[in-house]
């Protein structure tokens, strides 16, 4: 009877549950799969007759509160996620509302607002309507949207309804001018830019003056669009009449460039070190470059082909053979005078890129062009010069490196006023002077305009003599008289320090 007990226990449990729930219960006799029916036990007297039913699974409890909780959590979770990707309400960029939008959507709204803003050109504009897109209006929509989100995310309640985010709206100059010219052609009279040209008469670059013109003021139009959008609007009126249009290149700018070019011309040339070896004349330089107006900016444009023409002739001006130095020396080898300065020989080096380098320098405002040369060092030649005066023979002989250069008859001092013998050195030269001589009787004799005096011993020296022609005979007061042309030769041939030997 174990099954019955189990059934009864199950029944009791169901009854208890049903009673607790207030449900009606109908008893049905149970059956067991695979077993013979179990006989019913006779009921006790007074008990109602019952039929046993199979045990049913307990009904699932409804958890409405749990589901309601999950719904509120999901909504809260969604709101939290949204707060992480949306811009705070009340945010505007350049006057355009972007609150409750993602940065990407905000960028699209900003771009569309600017492109769709309409301008009605009044007056001469005849109420023509141009859109922001027609005028090339642009704004950094994505950058500003990202900035707005970074500074004012939805989750930061303190950033709600904040100050406007500023943004620059610009008009593309070329696009705006093209649209405005088409809409109001009568308002446009192009200004003339100042220029810089070469004047052959003065051999300088001079300024051609600018002239103002007229146009619709694009800067003022841009400012009007910015103000309208900042106020939340998308339409505005703007006068289409002409306003003064200043030239892009002013007289002042052209003057500055002309001054710079003329300064460059003053030093222009090909240089070896600091030496301007081959100067370039302004007229030649003017064939090398011109000043052009490049979209309102003056600049120098060089012609490499024209420069190459001059480069091809450089060797004739640069190349030279060495010139040896010639020095007059004394017996100790001391240089008394350099007769000929030594000059190194040179040959022009590689010029394959010179024209291009010159063009680049000119365009940069530089007029000194270094050139490469191969040098040949000069040699030095020393000349040991001496003058020999033979009082016995009454001759003066010039020697150079032991060889006689020239020899002449002279007139040395008379016996009463002899020329001193000894070894001396030239110490002074006087082109012309009045000489005073003391006679044996104590009187003073003056001789004016004595030329080509070369002093070597006190008041004794070589000089030209115009008052006699008796050379070969002593006649002076101690000086060595010579023909005037010979005296000049000695004057020019003998530097200070030259050795003079006077002997009998």
Protein backbone atom coordinates (compact mmCIF):
# COMPACT_ATOMS: atom_id res chain seq x y z
CA UNK A 1 0.00 0.00 0.00
CA UNK A 2 3.05 2.27 -0.31
CA UNK A 3 1.78 3.91 -3.51
CA UNK A 4 -1.42 4.86 -1.80
CA UNK A 5 0.42 6.48 1.04
CA UNK A 6 2.47 8.39 -1.39
CA UNK A 7 -0.61 9.40 -3.29
CA UNK A 8 -2.29 10.40 -0.09
CA UNK A 9 0.67 12.49 0.93
CA UNK A 10 0.68 14.11 -2.47
CA UNK A 11 -3.01 14.74 -2.24
CA UNK A 12 -2.65 16.23 1.17
CA UNK A 13 0.11 18.51 -0.13
CA UNK A 14 -2.00 19.60 -3.11
CA UNK A 15 -5.01 20.17 -0.86
CA UNK A 16 -2.98 22.26 1.44
CA UNK A 17 -1.61 24.26 -1.51
CA UNK A 18 -4.99 24.52 -3.15
CA UNK A 19 -6.63 25.61 0.10
CA UNK A 20 -3.96 28.15 0.56
CA UNK A 21 -4.60 29.46 -2.92
CA UNK A 22 -8.36 29.21 -2.71
CA UNK A 23 -8.68 26.84 -5.69
CA UNK A 24 -11.33 24.12 -6.06
CA UNK A 25 -10.03 20.55 -5.96
CA UNK A 26 -11.54 17.52 -7.70
CA UNK A 27 -10.20 14.11 -6.65
CA UNK A 28 -9.57 11.59 -9.39
CA UNK A 29 -8.44 8.00 -8.87
CA UNK A 30 -4.81 7.60 -9.86
CA UNK A 31 -3.52 5.03 -12.27
CA UNK A 32 0.02 3.68 -12.46
CA UNK A 33 1.52 2.92 -15.74
CA UNK A 34 2.39 -0.70 -16.09
CA UNK A 35 0.59 -1.78 -12.82
CA UNK A 36 -2.86 -3.30 -12.11
CA UNK A 37 -5.39 -0.93 -10.66
CA UNK A 38 -5.27 -0.73 -6.86
CA UNK A 39 -8.49 -1.48 -5.03
CA UNK A 40 -10.09 1.30 -3.13
CA UNK A 41 -10.16 1.19 0.59
CA UNK A 42 -13.69 1.41 1.95
CA UNK A 43 -14.44 4.82 3.25
CA UNK A 44 -15.03 5.49 6.86
CA UNK A 45 -18.58 6.07 7.93
CA UNK A 46 -19.55 9.67 7.29
CA UNK A 47 -16.62 10.48 4.95
CA UNK A 48 -17.43 11.67 1.51
CA UNK A 49 -16.56 9.34 -1.26
CA UNK A 50 -13.30 10.49 -3.01
CA UNK A 51 -11.60 9.56 -6.26
CA UNK A 52 -7.76 9.95 -6.40
CA UNK A 53 -6.22 12.00 -9.20
CA UNK A 54 -2.59 11.83 -10.43
CA UNK A 55 0.01 14.15 -8.81
CA UNK A 56 0.34 17.39 -10.89
CA UNK A 57 3.42 19.65 -10.91
CA UNK A 58 3.19 22.76 -8.85
CA UNK A 59 2.28 25.82 -10.97
CA UNK A 60 5.19 28.32 -11.62
CA UNK A 61 5.13 31.41 -9.47
CA UNK A 62 4.67 34.68 -11.33
CA UNK A 63 7.61 37.06 -10.68
CA UNK A 64 6.13 40.35 -11.90
CA UNK A 65 8.24 42.38 -9.51
CA UNK A 66 11.44 40.90 -10.96
CA UNK A 67 10.42 41.73 -14.53
CA UNK A 68 9.49 45.27 -13.58
CA UNK A 69 12.90 45.64 -11.91
CA UNK A 70 14.68 44.33 -14.99
CA UNK A 71 12.82 46.85 -17.22
CA UNK A 72 13.79 49.81 -15.08
CA UNK A 73 17.42 48.56 -14.98
CA UNK A 74 17.55 48.23 -18.75
CA UNK A 75 16.21 51.73 -19.19
CA UNK A 76 18.72 53.04 -16.67
CA UNK A 77 21.52 51.13 -18.40
CA UNK A 78 20.46 52.57 -21.82
CA UNK A 79 20.34 56.10 -20.43
CA UNK A 80 23.79 55.65 -18.94
CA UNK A 81 25.18 54.43 -22.25
CA UNK A 82 23.53 57.32 -24.09
CA UNK A 83 25.08 59.77 -21.68
CA UNK A 84 28.48 58.47 -22.74
CA UNK A 85 27.98 59.21 -26.48
CA UNK A 86 25.72 62.29 -26.62
CA UNK A 87 26.42 65.99 -26.28
CA UNK A 88 24.83 67.81 -23.36
CA UNK A 89 21.50 69.55 -24.03
CA UNK A 90 21.61 73.29 -24.62
CA UNK A 91 25.02 73.11 -26.36
CA UNK A 92 25.49 75.25 -29.48
CA UNK A 93 28.43 75.42 -31.88
CA UNK A 94 28.79 78.76 -33.66
CA UNK A 95 25.13 79.31 -32.75
CA UNK A 96 23.97 75.93 -34.11
CA UNK A 97 22.18 73.64 -31.56
CA UNK A 98 23.86 70.23 -31.19
CA UNK A 99 22.49 69.00 -27.82
CA UNK A 100 21.30 65.38 -27.56
CA UNK A 101 23.38 64.49 -30.66
CA UNK A 102 26.41 62.29 -31.15
CA UNK A 103 29.54 64.11 -32.42
CA UNK A 104 29.07 62.59 -35.87
CA UNK A 105 25.44 63.71 -36.10
CA UNK A 106 26.36 67.11 -34.71
CA UNK A 107 29.03 67.55 -37.41
CA UNK A 108 26.44 66.80 -40.10
CA UNK A 109 24.00 69.30 -38.59
CA UNK A 110 26.69 72.01 -38.41
CA UNK A 111 27.83 71.43 -41.99
CA UNK A 112 24.24 71.43 -43.28
CA UNK A 113 23.32 74.61 -41.40
CA UNK A 114 26.28 76.52 -42.81
CA UNK A 115 25.76 75.21 -46.36
CA UNK A 116 22.02 76.00 -46.30
CA UNK A 117 22.33 79.53 -44.91
CA UNK A 118 20.91 81.91 -47.52
CA UNK A 119 22.12 85.41 -48.39
CA UNK A 120 19.86 87.81 -50.28
CA UNK A 121 21.89 90.43 -52.13
CA UNK A 122 20.01 93.72 -51.93
CA UNK A 123 20.34 96.89 -53.96
CA UNK A 124 22.53 96.26 -56.97
CA UNK A 125 22.26 92.58 -56.11
CA UNK A 126 18.60 92.66 -57.28
CA UNK A 127 17.60 90.26 -54.46
CA UNK A 128 19.63 87.37 -55.85
CA UNK A 129 19.84 84.57 -53.27
CA UNK A 130 23.10 82.70 -52.70
CA UNK A 131 23.60 79.83 -50.29
CA UNK A 132 26.54 79.20 -48.05
CA UNK A 133 27.47 76.33 -50.36
CA UNK A 134 27.42 78.73 -53.36
CA UNK A 135 29.82 81.02 -51.53
CA UNK A 136 32.20 78.26 -50.44
CA UNK A 137 31.27 78.61 -46.76
CA UNK A 138 33.06 76.11 -44.55
CA UNK A 139 33.51 75.35 -40.88
CA UNK A 140 35.50 72.71 -39.01
CA UNK A 141 32.33 70.84 -38.17
CA UNK A 142 33.87 67.57 -37.05
CA UNK A 143 36.55 69.21 -34.99
CA UNK A 144 34.08 71.53 -33.26
CA UNK A 145 31.60 68.69 -32.65
CA UNK A 146 34.35 66.61 -31.04
CA UNK A 147 35.37 69.61 -28.96
CA UNK A 148 31.79 70.17 -27.83
CA UNK A 149 31.43 66.53 -26.80
CA UNK A 150 34.80 66.48 -25.02
CA UNK A 151 33.93 69.59 -23.00
CA UNK A 152 30.19 68.94 -22.57
CA UNK A 153 29.18 65.28 -22.52
CA UNK A 154 25.58 64.44 -21.60
CA UNK A 155 26.60 62.70 -18.37
CA UNK A 156 28.11 65.92 -17.02
CA UNK A 157 24.96 67.70 -15.81
CA UNK A 158 27.04 70.73 -14.87
CA UNK A 159 27.77 71.30 -18.59
CA UNK A 160 24.11 71.41 -19.61
CA UNK A 161 22.91 74.71 -21.10
CA UNK A 162 26.49 76.03 -21.18
CA UNK A 163 28.00 78.93 -23.04
CA UNK A 164 28.12 78.65 -26.86
CA UNK A 165 31.13 76.92 -28.42
CA UNK A 166 32.69 79.41 -30.81
CA UNK A 167 33.60 78.39 -34.34
CA UNK A 168 34.99 80.14 -37.41
CA UNK A 169 32.94 80.19 -40.58
CA UNK A 170 35.02 81.10 -43.63
CA UNK A 171 34.29 81.73 -47.29
CA UNK A 172 36.62 80.38 -49.95
CA UNK A 173 37.82 83.61 -51.63
CA UNK A 174 37.84 82.23 -55.17
CA UNK A 175 34.46 80.51 -54.85
CA UNK A 176 32.82 83.52 -53.18
CA UNK A 177 34.21 85.98 -55.72
CA UNK A 178 33.09 83.81 -58.64
CA UNK A 179 29.54 83.53 -57.27
CA UNK A 180 29.33 87.25 -56.46
CA UNK A 181 30.73 88.28 -59.85
CA UNK A 182 28.10 86.18 -61.56
CA UNK A 183 25.36 87.64 -59.35
CA UNK A 184 26.47 91.32 -59.41
CA UNK A 185 28.91 91.90 -62.29
CA UNK A 186 28.45 95.68 -62.16
CA UNK A 187 29.96 95.82 -58.66
CA UNK A 188 33.34 94.54 -59.81
CA UNK A 189 36.14 96.69 -61.27
CA UNK A 190 39.46 94.97 -60.68
CA UNK A 191 42.17 96.92 -58.82
CA UNK A 192 45.65 97.22 -60.31
CA UNK A 193 48.53 95.87 -58.24
CA UNK A 194 51.76 97.82 -57.86
CA UNK A 195 54.69 96.36 -59.80
CA UNK A 196 58.48 96.53 -60.10
CA UNK A 197 60.18 96.89 -63.51
CA UNK A 198 63.66 97.76 -64.82
CA UNK A 199 64.25 101.33 -66.01
CA UNK A 200 67.08 101.32 -68.56
CA UNK A 201 67.64 105.08 -68.28
CA UNK A 202 68.42 105.02 -64.56
CA UNK A 203 69.72 101.42 -64.63
CA UNK A 204 67.53 100.66 -61.60
CA UNK A 205 64.30 98.86 -60.82
CA UNK A 206 61.38 101.26 -60.29
CA UNK A 207 57.80 100.96 -59.01
CA UNK A 208 54.68 101.07 -61.20
CA UNK A 209 51.92 102.46 -58.92
CA UNK A 210 48.78 100.59 -57.87
CA UNK A 211 45.17 101.64 -58.52
CA UNK A 212 42.12 100.78 -56.33
CA UNK A 213 39.07 98.97 -57.73
CA UNK A 214 35.60 97.89 -56.55
CA UNK A 215 34.05 94.60 -55.41
CA UNK A 216 31.50 93.15 -53.02
CA UNK A 217 33.20 93.05 -49.61
CA UNK A 218 33.74 89.34 -48.95
CA UNK A 219 35.16 89.97 -45.47
CA UNK A 220 32.09 91.95 -44.44
CA UNK A 221 29.85 89.28 -45.96
CA UNK A 222 31.66 86.58 -43.98
CA UNK A 223 31.19 88.56 -40.76
CA UNK A 224 27.44 88.99 -41.51
CA UNK A 225 27.04 85.24 -42.04
CA UNK A 226 28.91 84.50 -38.81
CA UNK A 227 26.67 86.90 -36.86
CA UNK A 228 23.48 85.47 -38.38
CA UNK A 229 24.42 81.87 -37.64
CA UNK A 230 25.57 82.85 -34.13
CA UNK A 231 22.09 84.26 -33.52
CA UNK A 232 20.54 80.99 -34.65
CA UNK A 233 19.43 82.27 -38.06
CA UNK A 234 19.80 80.83 -41.54
CA UNK A 235 18.82 83.82 -43.70
CA UNK A 236 20.19 87.32 -44.04
CA UNK A 237 20.33 90.29 -46.37
CA UNK A 238 23.57 91.88 -47.58
CA UNK A 239 24.14 94.86 -49.90
CA UNK A 240 25.36 93.79 -53.34
CA UNK A 241 26.64 97.24 -54.27
CA UNK A 242 30.35 97.97 -54.88
CA UNK A 243 32.78 98.62 -52.06
CA UNK A 244 36.35 99.83 -52.56
CA UNK A 245 38.72 96.96 -53.31
CA UNK A 246 42.33 97.59 -52.36
CA UNK A 247 45.08 96.20 -54.61
CA UNK A 248 46.72 93.05 -53.31
CA UNK A 249 50.18 94.58 -53.88
CA UNK A 250 50.57 98.06 -52.41
CA UNK A 251 53.00 100.77 -53.46
CA UNK A 252 54.78 100.31 -50.14
CA UNK A 253 55.31 96.59 -50.73
CA UNK A 254 56.59 97.22 -54.25
CA UNK A 255 58.94 99.96 -53.02
CA UNK A 256 60.39 97.63 -50.41
CA UNK A 257 61.13 94.99 -53.04
CA UNK A 258 62.57 97.53 -55.53
CA UNK A 259 64.92 98.87 -52.84
CA UNK A 260 66.06 95.35 -52.01
CA UNK A 261 66.72 94.54 -55.67
CA UNK A 262 68.67 97.76 -56.29
CA UNK A 263 70.80 97.05 -53.24
CA UNK A 264 71.47 93.57 -54.60
CA UNK A 265 72.49 95.05 -57.97
CA UNK A 266 75.15 97.17 -56.25
CA UNK A 267 77.10 94.06 -55.22
CA UNK A 268 76.03 91.62 -57.92
CA UNK A 269 78.80 89.56 -59.46
CA UNK A 270 80.85 86.38 -59.43
CA UNK A 271 83.13 86.16 -56.41
CA UNK A 272 86.37 84.37 -55.63
CA UNK A 273 86.47 84.62 -51.85
CA UNK A 274 85.72 88.25 -50.98
CA UNK A 275 86.82 89.54 -54.38
CA UNK A 276 84.11 90.47 -56.86
CA UNK A 277 86.08 89.04 -59.76
CA UNK A 278 83.42 89.49 -62.44
CA UNK A 279 80.89 92.26 -61.72
CA UNK A 280 77.45 92.00 -63.33
CA UNK A 281 76.08 95.27 -64.72
CA UNK A 282 72.45 96.19 -63.87
CA UNK A 283 71.47 96.08 -67.55
CA UNK A 284 72.78 92.51 -67.79
CA UNK A 285 71.12 91.51 -64.53
CA UNK A 286 67.81 92.88 -65.86
CA UNK A 287 67.94 90.21 -68.59
CA UNK A 288 68.42 87.52 -65.95
CA UNK A 289 65.26 88.05 -63.93
CA UNK A 290 61.89 89.78 -63.77
CA UNK A 291 59.47 90.63 -60.97
CA UNK A 292 56.13 88.87 -61.29
CA UNK A 293 52.83 89.23 -59.44
CA UNK A 294 52.05 85.79 -58.03
CA UNK A 295 48.44 85.96 -56.75
CA UNK A 296 48.99 89.29 -55.09
CA UNK A 297 52.57 88.70 -53.96
CA UNK A 298 55.55 90.09 -55.83
CA UNK A 299 58.49 87.77 -56.28
CA UNK A 300 61.65 87.53 -58.39
CA UNK A 301 61.64 84.96 -61.17
CA UNK A 302 65.07 84.17 -62.63
CA UNK A 303 65.79 82.97 -66.19
CA UNK A 304 68.41 80.23 -65.96
CA UNK A 305 68.94 80.18 -69.73
CA UNK A 306 69.83 83.89 -69.81
CA UNK A 307 72.22 83.42 -66.88
CA UNK A 308 73.92 80.53 -68.65
CA UNK A 309 74.88 82.87 -71.51
CA UNK A 310 77.08 84.86 -69.11
CA UNK A 311 78.37 81.74 -67.35
CA UNK A 312 79.68 80.50 -70.71
CA UNK A 313 81.94 83.57 -70.97
CA UNK A 314 83.33 83.50 -67.42
CA UNK A 315 86.55 81.64 -68.20
CA UNK A 316 87.83 84.52 -70.32
CA UNK A 317 87.47 86.87 -67.33
CA UNK A 318 88.62 84.47 -64.63
CA UNK A 319 91.51 82.44 -66.05
CA UNK A 320 95.03 83.91 -65.81
CA UNK A 321 98.65 82.81 -65.66
CA UNK A 322 100.60 83.27 -62.42
CA UNK A 323 102.63 86.48 -61.99
CA UNK A 324 105.83 85.99 -60.04
CA UNK A 325 106.71 88.39 -57.22
CA UNK A 326 109.83 90.57 -57.67
CA UNK A 327 111.45 91.93 -54.49
CA UNK A 328 114.47 94.21 -54.06
CA UNK A 329 116.57 92.92 -51.17
CA UNK A 330 119.76 93.86 -49.34
CA UNK A 331 122.79 91.65 -48.69
CA UNK A 332 121.05 90.12 -45.66
CA UNK A 333 118.03 89.15 -47.76
CA UNK A 334 115.72 91.76 -46.23
CA UNK A 335 113.02 92.90 -48.63
CA UNK A 336 113.45 96.62 -49.24
CA UNK A 337 110.67 97.00 -51.76
CA UNK A 338 108.35 94.78 -53.77
CA UNK A 339 108.72 95.74 -57.39
CA UNK A 340 106.05 93.37 -58.63
CA UNK A 341 103.38 91.81 -56.42
CA UNK A 342 102.98 88.07 -56.86
CA UNK A 343 99.65 86.91 -58.27
CA UNK A 344 98.47 83.31 -58.25
CA UNK A 345 97.39 81.84 -61.52
CA UNK A 346 93.85 80.43 -61.67
CA UNK A 347 91.49 78.45 -63.88
CA UNK A 348 87.71 78.40 -63.63
CA UNK A 349 86.37 75.24 -62.01
CA UNK A 350 83.16 73.27 -62.56
CA UNK A 351 80.25 75.46 -63.73
CA UNK A 352 77.75 72.74 -64.62
CA UNK A 353 75.31 73.84 -61.87
CA UNK A 354 76.37 77.49 -61.64
CA UNK A 355 73.48 78.98 -63.64
CA UNK A 356 70.95 77.12 -61.50
CA UNK A 357 72.72 78.23 -58.32
CA UNK A 358 72.76 81.84 -59.49
CA UNK A 359 69.05 81.71 -60.34
CA UNK A 360 68.27 80.35 -56.87
CA UNK A 361 70.41 83.04 -55.21
CA UNK A 362 68.74 85.87 -57.15
CA UNK A 363 65.26 84.62 -56.29
CA UNK A 364 66.35 84.63 -52.64
CA UNK A 365 67.60 88.23 -52.91
CA UNK A 366 71.32 87.39 -52.91
CA UNK A 367 73.59 88.87 -55.60
CA UNK A 368 77.02 87.44 -54.69
CA UNK A 369 77.73 84.25 -56.61
CA UNK A 370 80.80 82.26 -55.46
CA UNK A 371 82.76 80.46 -58.16
CA UNK A 372 85.31 77.67 -57.89
CA UNK A 373 88.82 78.06 -59.29
CA UNK A 374 91.99 75.96 -59.38
CA UNK A 375 94.98 78.11 -58.35
CA UNK A 376 98.66 77.96 -59.35
CA UNK A 377 100.95 79.55 -56.76
CA UNK A 378 103.31 82.31 -57.91
CA UNK A 379 107.06 82.24 -57.30
CA UNK A 380 109.19 84.97 -55.70
CA UNK A 381 112.28 86.43 -57.39
CA UNK A 382 114.71 88.49 -55.23
CA UNK A 383 116.88 91.23 -56.70
CA UNK A 384 119.98 92.23 -54.74
CA UNK A 385 120.69 95.79 -55.84
CA UNK A 386 123.73 97.97 -55.03
CA UNK A 387 125.24 101.26 -56.21
CA UNK A 388 129.00 101.55 -56.57
CA UNK A 389 130.59 105.04 -56.72
CA UNK A 390 134.22 105.10 -57.88
CA UNK A 391 135.69 108.48 -56.96
CA UNK A 392 138.87 107.78 -58.81
CA UNK A 393 137.10 107.04 -62.06
CA UNK A 394 134.25 109.46 -61.40
CA UNK A 395 131.62 106.79 -62.23
CA UNK A 396 128.49 105.41 -60.65
CA UNK A 397 127.54 101.81 -61.48
CA UNK A 398 124.22 100.03 -60.67
CA UNK A 399 124.38 96.31 -59.90
CA UNK A 400 121.52 93.77 -59.75
CA UNK A 401 122.35 90.26 -58.55
CA UNK A 402 125.99 91.00 -59.36
CA UNK A 403 125.34 92.10 -62.95
CA UNK A 404 125.84 95.66 -64.17
CA UNK A 405 122.57 97.34 -65.00
CA UNK A 406 123.90 100.79 -65.97
CA UNK A 407 127.01 102.95 -65.43
CA UNK A 408 127.52 106.74 -65.83
CA UNK A 409 130.08 109.45 -65.48
CA UNK A 410 129.53 111.67 -62.45
CA UNK A 411 130.86 114.74 -60.76
CA UNK A 412 131.68 114.15 -57.09
CA UNK A 413 132.89 116.68 -54.53
CA UNK A 414 135.77 119.02 -55.22
CA UNK A 415 138.96 118.64 -53.21
CA UNK A 416 137.86 121.48 -50.92
CA UNK A 417 134.41 119.84 -50.41
CA UNK A 418 135.03 116.13 -51.07
CA UNK A 419 132.49 113.31 -51.15
CA UNK A 420 132.94 110.97 -48.16
CA UNK A 421 134.14 107.45 -48.86
CA UNK A 422 132.49 104.52 -47.08
CA UNK A 423 129.52 102.11 -47.10
CA UNK A 424 126.12 103.75 -46.78
CA UNK A 425 122.41 103.12 -47.31
CA UNK A 426 119.81 105.21 -49.10
CA UNK A 427 117.62 106.81 -46.46
CA UNK A 428 115.46 109.44 -48.22
CA UNK A 429 114.13 110.71 -51.53
CA UNK A 430 113.19 114.31 -52.41
CA UNK A 431 111.51 115.07 -55.71
CA UNK A 432 112.89 118.60 -55.94
CA UNK A 433 114.42 121.11 -53.55
CA UNK A 434 116.61 124.23 -53.14
CA UNK A 435 120.07 123.25 -51.96
CA UNK A 436 122.41 125.45 -49.89
CA UNK A 437 126.18 124.86 -49.99
CA UNK A 438 128.93 126.44 -47.91
CA UNK A 439 131.92 127.65 -49.87
CA UNK A 440 135.52 127.41 -48.53
CA UNK A 441 135.44 131.10 -47.75
CA UNK A 442 132.36 130.58 -45.57
CA UNK A 443 129.82 132.03 -47.97
CA UNK A 444 126.56 130.20 -48.71
CA UNK A 445 125.56 129.28 -52.24
CA UNK A 446 121.87 128.45 -53.04
CA UNK A 447 120.85 126.30 -55.96
CA UNK A 448 117.10 126.23 -56.55
CA UNK A 449 114.98 123.40 -58.02
CA UNK A 450 117.49 120.61 -57.71
CA UNK A 451 115.65 117.52 -59.04
CA UNK A 452 115.54 113.82 -58.17
CA UNK A 453 117.54 113.81 -54.93
CA UNK A 454 118.45 110.43 -53.38
CA UNK A 455 120.19 110.87 -50.00
CA UNK A 456 122.61 108.21 -48.69
CA UNK A 457 125.02 110.00 -46.30
CA UNK A 458 123.84 113.00 -44.31
CA UNK A 459 123.52 115.89 -46.77
CA UNK A 460 125.26 113.92 -49.52
CA UNK A 461 123.17 112.28 -52.20
CA UNK A 462 122.67 111.64 -55.91
CA UNK A 463 120.79 114.38 -57.79
CA UNK A 464 120.18 115.82 -61.23
CA UNK A 465 122.37 118.69 -62.38
CA UNK A 466 121.24 121.33 -64.83
CA UNK A 467 123.99 123.95 -64.23
CA UNK A 468 126.88 122.08 -65.83
CA UNK A 469 127.62 119.21 -68.17
CA UNK A 470 131.20 118.53 -67.07
CA UNK A 471 130.61 115.00 -65.81
CA UNK A 472 133.72 112.95 -65.10
CA UNK A 473 135.26 115.88 -63.20
CA UNK A 474 134.76 116.62 -59.48
CA UNK A 475 132.68 119.81 -59.20
CA UNK A 476 130.22 119.46 -56.32
CA UNK A 477 130.09 120.39 -52.67
CA UNK A 478 130.00 116.70 -51.70
CA UNK A 479 126.96 115.38 -53.60
CA UNK A 480 127.17 113.13 -56.64
CA UNK A 481 126.09 115.17 -59.66
CA UNK A 482 124.38 113.28 -62.51
CA UNK A 483 122.51 114.09 -65.68
CA UNK A 484 118.88 114.74 -64.86
CA UNK A 485 117.54 111.62 -66.59
CA UNK A 486 120.14 109.44 -64.84
CA UNK A 487 119.31 110.99 -61.46
CA UNK A 488 115.64 110.19 -62.01
CA UNK A 489 116.53 106.60 -62.89
CA UNK A 490 118.54 106.23 -59.67
CA UNK A 491 115.74 107.92 -57.69
CA UNK A 492 113.18 105.38 -58.92
CA UNK A 493 115.54 102.35 -58.96
CA UNK A 494 116.87 102.58 -55.40
CA UNK A 495 114.52 101.98 -52.44
CA UNK A 496 115.26 103.13 -48.91
CA UNK A 497 117.87 100.75 -47.47
CA UNK A 498 119.70 100.19 -50.76
CA UNK A 499 123.46 99.72 -50.16
CA UNK A 500 125.83 102.39 -51.56
CA UNK A 501 129.58 101.86 -51.67
CA UNK A 502 131.74 104.99 -52.17
CA UNK A 503 135.48 104.42 -52.66
CA UNK A 504 138.55 105.47 -54.53
